[in-house]
PDB file of N, CA and C in Angstrom:
ATOM      1  N   MET A   1     -19.503   3.867  -3.710  1.00  0.00           N
ATOM      2  CA  MET A   1     -18.524   3.850  -2.630  1.00  0.00           C
ATOM      3  C   MET A   1     -17.523   2.734  -2.905  1.00  0.00           C
ATOM      4  N   ILE A   2     -16.261   3.019  -2.727  1.00  0.00           N
ATOM      5  CA  ILE A   2     -15.205   2.044  -2.971  1.00  0.00           C
ATOM      6  C   ILE A   2     -15.221   0.993  -1.871  1.00  0.00           C
ATOM      7  N   VAL A   3     -15.094  -0.279  -2.262  1.00  0.00           N
ATOM      8  CA  VAL A   3     -15.152  -1.375  -1.295  1.00  0.00           C
ATOM      9  C   VAL A   3     -13.979  -1.319  -0.329  1.00  0.00           C
ATOM     10  N   SER A   4     -14.169  -1.932   0.836  1.00  0.00           N
ATOM     11  CA  SER A   4     -13.209  -1.784   1.926  1.00  0.00           C
ATOM     12  C   SER A   4     -11.823  -2.342   1.619  1.00  0.00           C
ATOM     13  N   LYS A   5     -11.704  -3.436   0.867  1.00  0.00           N
ATOM     14  CA  LYS A   5     -10.378  -3.987   0.573  1.00  0.00           C
ATOM     15  C   LYS A   5      -9.558  -3.018  -0.274  1.00  0.00           C
ATOM     16  N   ILE A   6     -10.187  -2.396  -1.236  1.00  0.00           N
ATOM     17  CA  ILE A   6      -9.489  -1.412  -2.065  1.00  0.00           C
ATOM     18  C   ILE A   6      -9.149  -0.195  -1.215  1.00  0.00           C
ATOM     19  N   LYS A   7     -10.065   0.213  -0.361  1.00  0.00           N
ATOM     20  CA  LYS A   7      -9.851   1.380   0.482  1.00  0.00           C
ATOM     21  C   LYS A   7      -8.656   1.177   1.409  1.00  0.00           C
ATOM     22  N   ARG A   8      -8.554  -0.005   2.004  1.00  0.00           N
ATOM     23  CA  ARG A   8      -7.427  -0.274   2.896  1.00  0.00           C
ATOM     24  C   ARG A   8      -6.105  -0.160   2.146  1.00  0.00           C
ATOM     25  N   GLY A   9      -6.061  -0.643   0.937  1.00  0.00           N
ATOM     26  CA  GLY A   9      -4.841  -0.583   0.148  1.00  0.00           C
ATOM     27  C   GLY A   9      -4.459   0.813  -0.272  1.00  0.00           C
ATOM     28  N   SER A  10      -5.422   1.683  -0.370  1.00  0.00           N
ATOM     29  CA  SER A  10      -5.141   3.050  -0.815  1.00  0.00           C
ATOM     30  C   SER A  10      -5.005   4.037   0.341  1.00  0.00           C
ATOM     31  N   ALA A  11      -5.224   3.593   1.554  1.00  0.00           N
ATOM     32  CA  ALA A  11      -5.243   4.501   2.707  1.00  0.00           C
ATOM     33  C   ALA A  11      -3.918   5.209   2.919  1.00  0.00           C
ATOM     34  N   GLU A  12      -2.828   4.464   2.906  1.00  0.00           N
ATOM     35  CA  GLU A  12      -1.521   5.094   3.123  1.00  0.00           C
ATOM     36  C   GLU A  12      -1.256   6.159   2.061  1.00  0.00           C
ATOM     37  N   PHE A  13      -1.537   5.818   0.828  1.00  0.00           N
ATOM     38  CA  PHE A  13      -1.317   6.756  -0.270  1.00  0.00           C
ATOM     39  C   PHE A  13      -2.166   8.013  -0.087  1.00  0.00           C
ATOM     40  N   ALA A  14      -3.418   7.834   0.274  1.00  0.00           N
ATOM     41  CA  ALA A  14      -4.321   8.971   0.458  1.00  0.00           C
ATOM     42  C   ALA A  14      -3.843   9.876   1.594  1.00  0.00           C
ATOM     43  N   ILE A  15      -3.451   9.280   2.704  1.00  0.00           N
ATOM     44  CA  ILE A  15      -2.997  10.065   3.857  1.00  0.00           C
ATOM     45  C   ILE A  15      -1.721  10.814   3.526  1.00  0.00           C
ATOM     46  N   LEU A  16      -0.740  10.116   2.951  1.00  0.00           N
ATOM     47  CA  LEU A  16       0.515  10.779   2.603  1.00  0.00           C
ATOM     48  C   LEU A  16       0.286  11.894   1.583  1.00  0.00           C
ATOM     49  N   SER A  17      -0.618  11.663   0.642  1.00  0.00           N
ATOM     50  CA  SER A  17      -0.898  12.673  -0.387  1.00  0.00           C
ATOM     51  C   SER A  17      -1.443  13.963   0.195  1.00  0.00           C
ATOM     52  N   VAL A  18      -2.394  13.876   1.112  1.00  0.00           N
ATOM     53  CA  VAL A  18      -2.955  15.115   1.678  1.00  0.00           C
ATOM     54  C   VAL A  18      -1.966  15.781   2.615  1.00  0.00           C
ATOM     55  N   LEU A  19      -1.148  14.992   3.311  1.00  0.00           N
ATOM     56  CA  LEU A  19      -0.165  15.596   4.212  1.00  0.00           C
ATOM     57  C   LEU A  19       1.019  16.183   3.453  1.00  0.00           C
ATOM     58  N   ALA A  20       1.179  15.834   2.185  1.00  0.00           N
ATOM     59  CA  ALA A  20       2.251  16.421   1.375  1.00  0.00           C
ATOM     60  C   ALA A  20       1.985  17.903   1.128  1.00  0.00           C
ATOM     61  N   GLU A  21       0.736  18.303   1.230  1.00  0.00           N
ATOM     62  CA  GLU A  21       0.355  19.684   0.951  1.00  0.00           C
ATOM     63  C   GLU A  21       0.319  20.571   2.188  1.00  0.00           C
ATOM     64  N   GLU A  22      -0.076  19.997   3.325  1.00  0.00           N
ATOM     65  CA  GLU A  22      -0.178  20.789   4.553  1.00  0.00           C
ATOM     66  C   GLU A  22      -0.306  19.871   5.754  1.00  0.00           C
ATOM     67  N   ARG A  23      -0.003  20.415   6.918  1.00  0.00           N
ATOM     68  CA  ARG A  23      -0.169  19.632   8.143  1.00  0.00           C
ATOM     69  C   ARG A  23      -1.643  19.708   8.561  1.00  0.00           C
ATOM     70  N   LEU A  24      -2.162  18.601   9.041  1.00  0.00           N
ATOM     71  CA  LEU A  24      -3.579  18.503   9.381  1.00  0.00           C
ATOM     72  C   LEU A  24      -3.748  17.645  10.629  1.00  0.00           C
ATOM     73  N   TYR A  25      -4.853  17.828  11.331  1.00  0.00           N
ATOM     74  CA  TYR A  25      -5.172  16.899  12.417  1.00  0.00           C
ATOM     75  C   TYR A  25      -6.124  15.836  11.878  1.00  0.00           C
ATOM     76  N   GLY A  26      -6.333  14.790  12.649  1.00  0.00           N
ATOM     77  CA  GLY A  26      -7.050  13.613  12.177  1.00  0.00           C
ATOM     78  C   GLY A  26      -8.361  13.874  11.465  1.00  0.00           C
ATOM     79  N   TYR A  27      -9.251  14.623  12.087  1.00  0.00           N
ATOM     80  CA  TYR A  27     -10.543  14.890  11.463  1.00  0.00           C
ATOM     81  C   TYR A  27     -10.367  15.610  10.128  1.00  0.00           C
ATOM     82  N   GLN A  28      -9.407  16.548  10.067  1.00  0.00           N
ATOM     83  CA  GLN A  28      -9.158  17.273   8.813  1.00  0.00           C
ATOM     84  C   GLN A  28      -8.656  16.332   7.723  1.00  0.00           C
ATOM     85  N   ILE A  29      -7.839  15.360   8.102  1.00  0.00           N
ATOM     86  CA  ILE A  29      -7.328  14.389   7.133  1.00  0.00           C
ATOM     87  C   ILE A  29      -8.500  13.615   6.540  1.00  0.00           C
ATOM     88  N   ALA A  30      -9.355  13.080   7.398  1.00  0.00           N
ATOM     89  CA  ALA A  30     -10.516  12.302   6.937  1.00  0.00           C
ATOM     90  C   ALA A  30     -11.429  13.161   6.063  1.00  0.00           C
ATOM     91  N   ARG A  31     -11.702  14.386   6.492  1.00  0.00           N
ATOM     92  CA  ARG A  31     -12.591  15.283   5.744  1.00  0.00           C
ATOM     93  C   ARG A  31     -11.991  15.664   4.387  1.00  0.00           C
ATOM     94  N   THR A  32     -10.701  15.949   4.353  1.00  0.00           N
ATOM     95  CA  THR A  32     -10.036  16.337   3.110  1.00  0.00           C
ATOM     96  C   THR A  32     -10.071  15.197   2.102  1.00  0.00           C
ATOM     97  N   ILE A  33      -9.790  13.990   2.565  1.00  0.00           N
ATOM     98  CA  ILE A  33      -9.822  12.828   1.667  1.00  0.00           C
ATOM     99  C   ILE A  33     -11.234  12.635   1.114  1.00  0.00           C
ATOM    100  N   ALA A  34     -12.235  12.714   1.971  1.00  0.00           N
ATOM    101  CA  ALA A  34     -13.624  12.545   1.521  1.00  0.00           C
ATOM    102  C   ALA A  34     -14.014  13.629   0.516  1.00  0.00           C
ATOM    103  N   GLU A  35     -13.643  14.873   0.790  1.00  0.00           N
ATOM    104  CA  GLU A  35     -13.995  15.972  -0.106  1.00  0.00           C
ATOM    105  C   GLU A  35     -13.321  15.826  -1.468  1.00  0.00           C
ATOM    106  N   ARG A  36     -12.041  15.513  -1.459  1.00  0.00           N
ATOM    107  CA  ARG A  36     -11.284  15.451  -2.715  1.00  0.00           C
ATOM    108  C   ARG A  36     -11.631  14.232  -3.566  1.00  0.00           C
ATOM    109  N   THR A  37     -12.220  13.228  -2.945  1.00  0.00           N
ATOM    110  CA  THR A  37     -12.618  12.037  -3.707  1.00  0.00           C
ATOM    111  C   THR A  37     -14.112  12.027  -3.979  1.00  0.00           C
ATOM    112  N   GLY A  38     -14.770  13.129  -3.748  1.00  0.00           N
ATOM    113  CA  GLY A  38     -16.208  13.196  -3.969  1.00  0.00           C
ATOM    114  C   GLY A  38     -16.968  12.211  -3.099  1.00  0.00           C
ATOM    115  N   GLY A  39     -16.427  11.895  -1.937  1.00  0.00           N
ATOM    116  CA  GLY A  39     -17.075  10.982  -1.004  1.00  0.00           C
ATOM    117  C   GLY A  39     -16.810   9.509  -1.278  1.00  0.00           C
ATOM    118  N   GLU A  40     -16.040   9.197  -2.318  1.00  0.00           N
ATOM    119  CA  GLU A  40     -15.751   7.797  -2.644  1.00  0.00           C
ATOM    120  C   GLU A  40     -14.849   7.134  -1.608  1.00  0.00           C
ATOM    121  N   LEU A  41     -13.917   7.884  -1.064  1.00  0.00           N
ATOM    122  CA  LEU A  41     -13.050   7.377  -0.001  1.00  0.00           C
ATOM    123  C   LEU A  41     -13.414   8.094   1.283  1.00  0.00           C
ATOM    124  N   ARG A  42     -13.858   7.335   2.249  1.00  0.00           N
ATOM    125  CA  ARG A  42     -14.205   7.892   3.563  1.00  0.00           C
ATOM    126  C   ARG A  42     -13.567   7.032   4.632  1.00  0.00           C
ATOM    127  N   PHE A  43     -13.017   7.690   5.632  1.00  0.00           N
ATOM    128  CA  PHE A  43     -12.419   6.986   6.754  1.00  0.00           C
ATOM    129  C   PHE A  43     -13.074   7.449   8.041  1.00  0.00           C
ATOM    130  N   THR A  44     -13.473   6.500   8.854  1.00  0.00           N
ATOM    131  CA  THR A  44     -13.945   6.859  10.187  1.00  0.00           C
ATOM    132  C   THR A  44     -12.711   7.170  11.020  1.00  0.00           C
ATOM    133  N   LEU A  45     -12.890   7.931  12.066  1.00  0.00           N
ATOM    134  CA  LEU A  45     -11.747   8.231  12.923  1.00  0.00           C
ATOM    135  C   LEU A  45     -11.223   6.958  13.574  1.00  0.00           C
ATOM    136  N   ALA A  46     -12.111   6.008  13.831  1.00  0.00           N
ATOM    137  CA  ALA A  46     -11.692   4.735  14.428  1.00  0.00           C
ATOM    138  C   ALA A  46     -10.779   3.943  13.500  1.00  0.00           C
ATOM    139  N   SER A  47     -10.958   4.076  12.194  1.00  0.00           N
ATOM    140  CA  SER A  47     -10.074   3.379  11.257  1.00  0.00           C
ATOM    141  C   SER A  47      -8.873   4.244  10.863  1.00  0.00           C
ATOM    142  N   LEU A  48      -9.020   5.558  10.935  1.00  0.00           N
ATOM    143  CA  LEU A  48      -7.943   6.462  10.525  1.00  0.00           C
ATOM    144  C   LEU A  48      -6.789   6.475  11.523  1.00  0.00           C
ATOM    145  N   TYR A  49      -7.092   6.581  12.799  1.00  0.00           N
ATOM    146  CA  TYR A  49      -6.015   6.749  13.784  1.00  0.00           C
ATOM    147  C   TYR A  49      -5.040   5.574  13.845  1.00  0.00           C
ATOM    148  N   PRO A  50      -5.477   4.335  13.749  1.00  0.00           N
ATOM    149  CA  PRO A  50      -4.485   3.249  13.697  1.00  0.00           C
ATOM    150  C   PRO A  50      -3.545   3.374  12.497  1.00  0.00           C
ATOM    151  N   MET A  51      -4.061   3.854  11.361  1.00  0.00           N
ATOM    152  CA  MET A  51      -3.211   4.065  10.195  1.00  0.00           C
ATOM    153  C   MET A  51      -2.216   5.196  10.447  1.00  0.00           C
ATOM    154  N   LEU A  52      -2.678   6.272  11.085  1.00  0.00           N
ATOM    155  CA  LEU A  52      -1.778   7.378  11.415  1.00  0.00           C
ATOM    156  C   LEU A  52      -0.667   6.914  12.351  1.00  0.00           C
ATOM    157  N   TYR A  53      -1.030   6.118  13.368  1.00  0.00           N
ATOM    158  CA  TYR A  53      -0.030   5.625  14.311  1.00  0.00           C
ATOM    159  C   TYR A  53       0.991   4.734  13.604  1.00  0.00           C
ATOM    160  N   ALA A  54       0.525   3.896  12.673  1.00  0.00           N
ATOM    161  CA  ALA A  54       1.431   3.010  11.932  1.00  0.00           C
ATOM    162  C   ALA A  54       2.377   3.824  11.050  1.00  0.00           C
ATOM    163  N   LEU A  55       1.854   4.850  10.378  1.00  0.00           N
ATOM    164  CA  LEU A  55       2.698   5.701   9.538  1.00  0.00           C
ATOM    165  C   LEU A  55       3.698   6.486  10.387  1.00  0.00           C
ATOM    166  N   GLU A  56       3.264   6.887  11.566  1.00  0.00           N
ATOM    167  CA  GLU A  56       4.157   7.618  12.465  1.00  0.00           C
ATOM    168  C   GLU A  56       5.259   6.680  12.985  1.00  0.00           C
ATOM    169  N   LYS A  57       4.910   5.445  13.266  1.00  0.00           N
ATOM    170  CA  LYS A  57       5.890   4.463  13.733  1.00  0.00           C
ATOM    171  C   LYS A  57       6.966   4.214  12.676  1.00  0.00           C
ATOM    172  N   ARG A  58       6.584   4.261  11.399  1.00  0.00           N
ATOM    173  CA  ARG A  58       7.537   4.094  10.295  1.00  0.00           C
ATOM    174  C   ARG A  58       8.320   5.378  10.009  1.00  0.00           C
ATOM    175  N   ALA A  59       7.955   6.454  10.699  1.00  0.00           N
ATOM    176  CA  ALA A  59       8.586   7.769  10.544  1.00  0.00           C
ATOM    177  C   ALA A  59       8.279   8.399   9.187  1.00  0.00           C
ATOM    178  N   TRP A  60       7.152   8.020   8.574  1.00  0.00           N
ATOM    179  CA  TRP A  60       6.720   8.637   7.323  1.00  0.00           C
ATOM    180  C   TRP A  60       5.937   9.913   7.602  1.00  0.00           C
ATOM    181  N   ILE A  61       5.340   9.994   8.783  1.00  0.00           N
ATOM    182  CA  ILE A  61       4.665  11.207   9.228  1.00  0.00           C
ATOM    183  C   ILE A  61       5.112  11.475  10.663  1.00  0.00           C
ATOM    184  N   ALA A  62       4.935  12.701  11.106  1.00  0.00           N
ATOM    185  CA  ALA A  62       5.251  13.066  12.482  1.00  0.00           C
ATOM    186  C   ALA A  62       4.070  13.840  13.039  1.00  0.00           C
ATOM    187  N   GLY A  63       3.715  13.532  14.271  1.00  0.00           N
ATOM    188  CA  GLY A  63       2.613  14.224  14.918  1.00  0.00           C
ATOM    189  C   GLY A  63       3.105  15.049  16.088  1.00  0.00           C
ATOM    190  N   ALA A  64       2.440  16.155  16.336  1.00  0.00           N
ATOM    191  CA  ALA A  64       2.781  17.017  17.465  1.00  0.00           C
ATOM    192  C   ALA A  64       1.493  17.614  18.019  1.00  0.00           C
ATOM    193  N   TRP A  65       1.395  17.623  19.345  1.00  0.00           N
ATOM    194  CA  TRP A  65       0.230  18.212  19.995  1.00  0.00           C
ATOM    195  C   TRP A  65       0.353  19.727  19.982  1.00  0.00           C
ATOM    196  N   GLU A  66      -0.749  20.393  19.654  1.00  0.00           N
ATOM    197  CA  GLU A  66      -0.796  21.852  19.654  1.00  0.00           C
ATOM    198  C   GLU A  66      -2.107  22.303  20.269  1.00  0.00           C
ATOM    199  N   ARG A  67      -2.058  23.436  20.920  1.00  0.00           N
ATOM    200  CA  ARG A  67      -3.281  24.028  21.478  1.00  0.00           C
ATOM    201  C   ARG A  67      -3.921  24.941  20.435  1.00  0.00           C
ATOM    202  N   THR A  68      -5.234  24.852  20.332  1.00  0.00           N
ATOM    203  CA  THR A  68      -5.963  25.736  19.427  1.00  0.00           C
ATOM    204  C   THR A  68      -6.242  27.047  20.153  1.00  0.00           C
ATOM    205  N   GLY A  69      -6.835  27.985  19.433  1.00  0.00           N
ATOM    206  CA  GLY A  69      -7.185  29.269  20.042  1.00  0.00           C
ATOM    207  C   GLY A  69      -8.089  29.126  21.243  1.00  0.00           C
ATOM    208  N   GLY A  70      -8.938  28.094  21.253  1.00  0.00           N
ATOM    209  CA  GLY A  70      -9.848  27.868  22.367  1.00  0.00           C
ATOM    210  C   GLY A  70      -9.236  27.052  23.485  1.00  0.00           C
ATOM    211  N   GLY A  71      -7.946  26.739  23.386  1.00  0.00           N
ATOM    212  CA  GLY A  71      -7.272  25.981  24.434  1.00  0.00           C
ATOM    213  C   GLY A  71      -7.358  24.472  24.266  1.00  0.00           C
ATOM    214  N   ARG A  72      -8.043  24.027  23.242  1.00  0.00           N
ATOM    215  CA  ARG A  72      -8.191  22.596  22.990  1.00  0.00           C
ATOM    216  C   ARG A  72      -6.892  22.051  22.377  1.00  0.00           C
ATOM    217  N   LYS A  73      -6.522  20.820  22.738  1.00  0.00           N
ATOM    218  CA  LYS A  73      -5.319  20.218  22.182  1.00  0.00           C
ATOM    219  C   LYS A  73      -5.694  19.338  20.994  1.00  0.00           C
ATOM    220  N   ARG A  74      -4.911  19.475  19.923  1.00  0.00           N
ATOM    221  CA  ARG A  74      -5.083  18.645  18.728  1.00  0.00           C
ATOM    222  C   ARG A  74      -3.718  18.139  18.301  1.00  0.00           C
ATOM    223  N   ARG A  75      -3.711  16.937  17.771  1.00  0.00           N
ATOM    224  CA  ARG A  75      -2.461  16.370  17.261  1.00  0.00           C
ATOM    225  C   ARG A  75      -2.416  16.596  15.750  1.00  0.00           C
ATOM    226  N   TYR A  76      -1.498  17.454  15.341  1.00  0.00           N
ATOM    227  CA  TYR A  76      -1.308  17.764  13.929  1.00  0.00           C
ATOM    228  C   TYR A  76      -0.238  16.847  13.358  1.00  0.00           C
ATOM    229  N   TYR A  77      -0.494  16.366  12.147  1.00  0.00           N
ATOM    230  CA  TYR A  77       0.438  15.473  11.472  1.00  0.00           C
ATOM    231  C   TYR A  77       1.022  16.176  10.260  1.00  0.00           C
ATOM    232  N   ARG A  78       2.275  15.869   9.979  1.00  0.00           N
ATOM    233  CA  ARG A  78       2.956  16.407   8.802  1.00  0.00           C
ATOM    234  C   ARG A  78       3.750  15.284   8.160  1.00  0.00           C
ATOM    235  N   LEU A  79       4.008  15.433   6.894  1.00  0.00           N
ATOM    236  CA  LEU A  79       4.802  14.464   6.157  1.00  0.00           C
ATOM    237  C   LEU A  79       6.274  14.703   6.467  1.00  0.00           C
ATOM    238  N   THR A  80       7.030  13.642   6.709  1.00  0.00           N
ATOM    239  CA  THR A  80       8.468  13.759   6.965  1.00  0.00           C
ATOM    240  C   THR A  80       9.235  13.577   5.654  1.00  0.00           C
ATOM    241  N   ALA A  81      10.532  13.783   5.711  1.00  0.00           N
ATOM    242  CA  ALA A  81      11.376  13.551   4.529  1.00  0.00           C
ATOM    243  C   ALA A  81      11.271  12.092   4.091  1.00  0.00           C
ATOM    244  N   ALA A  82      11.249  11.176   5.051  1.00  0.00           N
ATOM    245  CA  ALA A  82      11.107   9.748   4.712  1.00  0.00           C
ATOM    246  C   ALA A  82       9.756   9.489   4.050  1.00  0.00           C
ATOM    247  N   GLY A  83       8.718  10.168   4.508  1.00  0.00           N
ATOM    248  CA  GLY A  83       7.395  10.031   3.910  1.00  0.00           C
ATOM    249  C   GLY A  83       7.367  10.546   2.480  1.00  0.00           C
ATOM    250  N   ARG A  84       8.061  11.649   2.239  1.00  0.00           N
ATOM    251  CA  ARG A  84       8.151  12.188   0.868  1.00  0.00           C
ATOM    252  C   ARG A  84       8.852  11.199  -0.056  1.00  0.00           C
ATOM    253  N   ARG A  85       9.894  10.555   0.463  1.00  0.00           N
ATOM    254  CA  ARG A  85      10.603   9.556  -0.349  1.00  0.00           C
ATOM    255  C   ARG A  85       9.704   8.360  -0.649  1.00  0.00           C
ATOM    256  N   GLN A  86       8.807   8.013   0.243  1.00  0.00           N
ATOM    257  CA  GLN A  86       7.870   6.908   0.015  1.00  0.00           C
ATOM    258  C   GLN A  86       6.766   7.311  -0.953  1.00  0.00           C
ATOM    259  N   LEU A  87       6.333   8.560  -0.865  1.00  0.00           N
ATOM    260  CA  LEU A  87       5.206   9.029  -1.662  1.00  0.00           C
ATOM    261  C   LEU A  87       5.529   9.100  -3.152  1.00  0.00           C
ATOM    262  N   ALA A  88       6.713   9.514  -3.501  1.00  0.00           N
ATOM    263  CA  ALA A  88       7.063   9.669  -4.925  1.00  0.00           C
ATOM    264  C   ALA A  88       6.860   8.370  -5.712  1.00  0.00           C
ATOM    265  N   PRO A  89       7.432   7.235  -5.293  1.00  0.00           N
ATOM    266  CA  PRO A  89       7.185   6.004  -6.055  1.00  0.00           C
ATOM    267  C   PRO A  89       5.742   5.520  -5.944  1.00  0.00           C
ATOM    268  N   MET A  90       5.087   5.801  -4.818  1.00  0.00           N
ATOM    269  CA  MET A  90       3.673   5.425  -4.680  1.00  0.00           C
ATOM    270  C   MET A  90       2.836   6.118  -5.744  1.00  0.00           C
ATOM    271  N   ARG A  91       3.109   7.386  -5.977  1.00  0.00           N
ATOM    272  CA  ARG A  91       2.355   8.145  -6.991  1.00  0.00           C
ATOM    273  C   ARG A  91       2.515   7.501  -8.365  1.00  0.00           C
ATOM    274  N   ARG A  92       3.744   7.129  -8.707  1.00  0.00           N
ATOM    275  CA  ARG A  92       3.980   6.483 -10.001  1.00  0.00           C
ATOM    276  C   ARG A  92       3.275   5.126 -10.072  1.00  0.00           C
ATOM    277  N   GLN A  93       3.349   4.357  -8.997  1.00  0.00           N
ATOM    278  CA  GLN A  93       2.722   3.029  -8.981  1.00  0.00           C
ATOM    279  C   GLN A  93       1.204   3.125  -9.094  1.00  0.00           C
ATOM    280  N   TRP A  94       0.601   4.055  -8.341  1.00  0.00           N
ATOM    281  CA  TRP A  94      -0.852   4.196  -8.413  1.00  0.00           C
ATOM    282  C   TRP A  94      -1.289   4.697  -9.786  1.00  0.00           C
ATOM    283  N   ALA A  95      -0.536   5.630 -10.360  1.00  0.00           N
ATOM    284  CA  ALA A  95      -0.886   6.137 -11.698  1.00  0.00           C
ATOM    285  C   ALA A  95      -0.834   4.998 -12.709  1.00  0.00           C
ATOM    286  N   GLY A  96       0.203   4.171 -12.633  1.00  0.00           N
ATOM    287  CA  GLY A  96       0.306   3.017 -13.527  1.00  0.00           C
ATOM    288  C   GLY A  96      -0.815   2.028 -13.309  1.00  0.00           C
ATOM    289  N   PHE A  97      -1.173   1.805 -12.051  1.00  0.00           N
ATOM    290  CA  PHE A  97      -2.264   0.889 -11.719  1.00  0.00           C
ATOM    291  C   PHE A  97      -3.581   1.384 -12.319  1.00  0.00           C
ATOM    292  N   PHE A  98      -3.868   2.671 -12.169  1.00  0.00           N
ATOM    293  CA  PHE A  98      -5.125   3.212 -12.699  1.00  0.00           C
ATOM    294  C   PHE A  98      -5.173   3.166 -14.214  1.00  0.00           C
ATOM    295  N   ARG A  99      -4.038   3.452 -14.856  1.00  0.00           N
ATOM    296  CA  ARG A  99      -4.002   3.341 -16.320  1.00  0.00           C
ATOM    297  C   ARG A  99      -4.278   1.905 -16.752  1.00  0.00           C
ATOM    298  N   ALA A 100      -3.679   0.940 -16.053  1.00  0.00           N
ATOM    299  CA  ALA A 100      -3.877  -0.465 -16.395  1.00  0.00           C
ATOM    300  C   ALA A 100      -5.332  -0.881 -16.182  1.00  0.00           C
ATOM    301  N   ILE A 101      -5.951  -0.453 -15.113  1.00  0.00           N
ATOM    302  CA  ILE A 101      -7.360  -0.789 -14.833  1.00  0.00           C
ATOM    303  C   ILE A 101      -8.260  -0.166 -15.894  1.00  0.00           C
ATOM    304  N   GLN A 102      -7.970   1.061 -16.295  1.00  0.00           N
ATOM    305  CA  GLN A 102      -8.769   1.703 -17.344  1.00  0.00           C
ATOM    306  C   GLN A 102      -8.665   0.933 -18.649  1.00  0.00           C
ATOM    307  N   ARG A 103      -7.457   0.517 -19.006  1.00  0.00           N
ATOM    308  CA  ARG A 103      -7.287  -0.266 -20.240  1.00  0.00           C
ATOM    309  C   ARG A 103      -8.010  -1.609 -20.131  1.00  0.00           C
ATOM    310  N   LEU A 104      -7.886  -2.237 -18.989  1.00  0.00           N
ATOM    311  CA  LEU A 104      -8.507  -3.538 -18.770  1.00  0.00           C
ATOM    312  C   LEU A 104     -10.024  -3.449 -18.808  1.00  0.00           C
ATOM    313  N   SER A 105     -10.560  -2.443 -18.188  1.00  0.00           N
ATOM    314  CA  SER A 105     -12.014  -2.336 -18.095  1.00  0.00           C
ATOM    315  C   SER A 105     -12.645  -1.709 -19.326  1.00  0.00           C
ATOM    316  N   GLY A 106     -11.840  -1.128 -20.190  1.00  0.00           N
ATOM    317  CA  GLY A 106     -12.390  -0.456 -21.358  1.00  0.00           C
ATOM    318  C   GLY A 106     -12.924   0.922 -21.018  1.00  0.00           C
ATOM    319  N   ALA A 107     -12.685   1.370 -19.792  1.00  0.00           N
ATOM    320  CA  ALA A 107     -13.193   2.670 -19.365  1.00  0.00           C
ATOM    321  C   ALA A 107     -12.620   3.796 -20.207  1.00  0.00           C
ATOM    322  N   ALA A 108     -11.404   3.622 -20.675  1.00  0.00           N
ATOM    323  CA  ALA A 108     -10.794   4.665 -21.493  1.00  0.00           C
ATOM    324  C   ALA A 108     -11.464   4.771 -22.856  1.00  0.00           C
ATOM    325  N   HIS A 109     -12.179   3.723 -23.270  1.00  0.00           N
ATOM    326  CA  HIS A 109     -12.824   3.713 -24.568  1.00  0.00           C
ATOM    327  C   HIS A 109     -14.329   3.923 -24.487  1.00  0.00           C
ATOM    328  N   ALA A 110     -14.833   4.129 -23.295  1.00  0.00           N
ATOM    329  CA  ALA A 110     -16.286   4.261 -23.116  1.00  0.00           C
ATOM    330  C   ALA A 110     -16.781   5.614 -23.540  1.00  0.00           C
TER     331      ALA A 110
END
């Protein structure tokens, strides 16, 4: 499991990445991140929602309440144009970071 300091630093990137593909509600965001990382990155809803609110405040994501077929209300989030502009350089930065860590750790030569 990835330690919490690293997880906090990667949270924005992870959230923006999954929302770049489709709109999701909070639980779906947490579940998608956990599934795609093989369980290495997990967010509790208590830690996820403050991050969603912060991203929404920056206008990188937008949330809207919708009723489900059963009448239940859920807040679905989607990536905004501003969020897409933020995500592109983040992807390059994270890719460079991972390449550097692999070279540093010798993981690429293992």
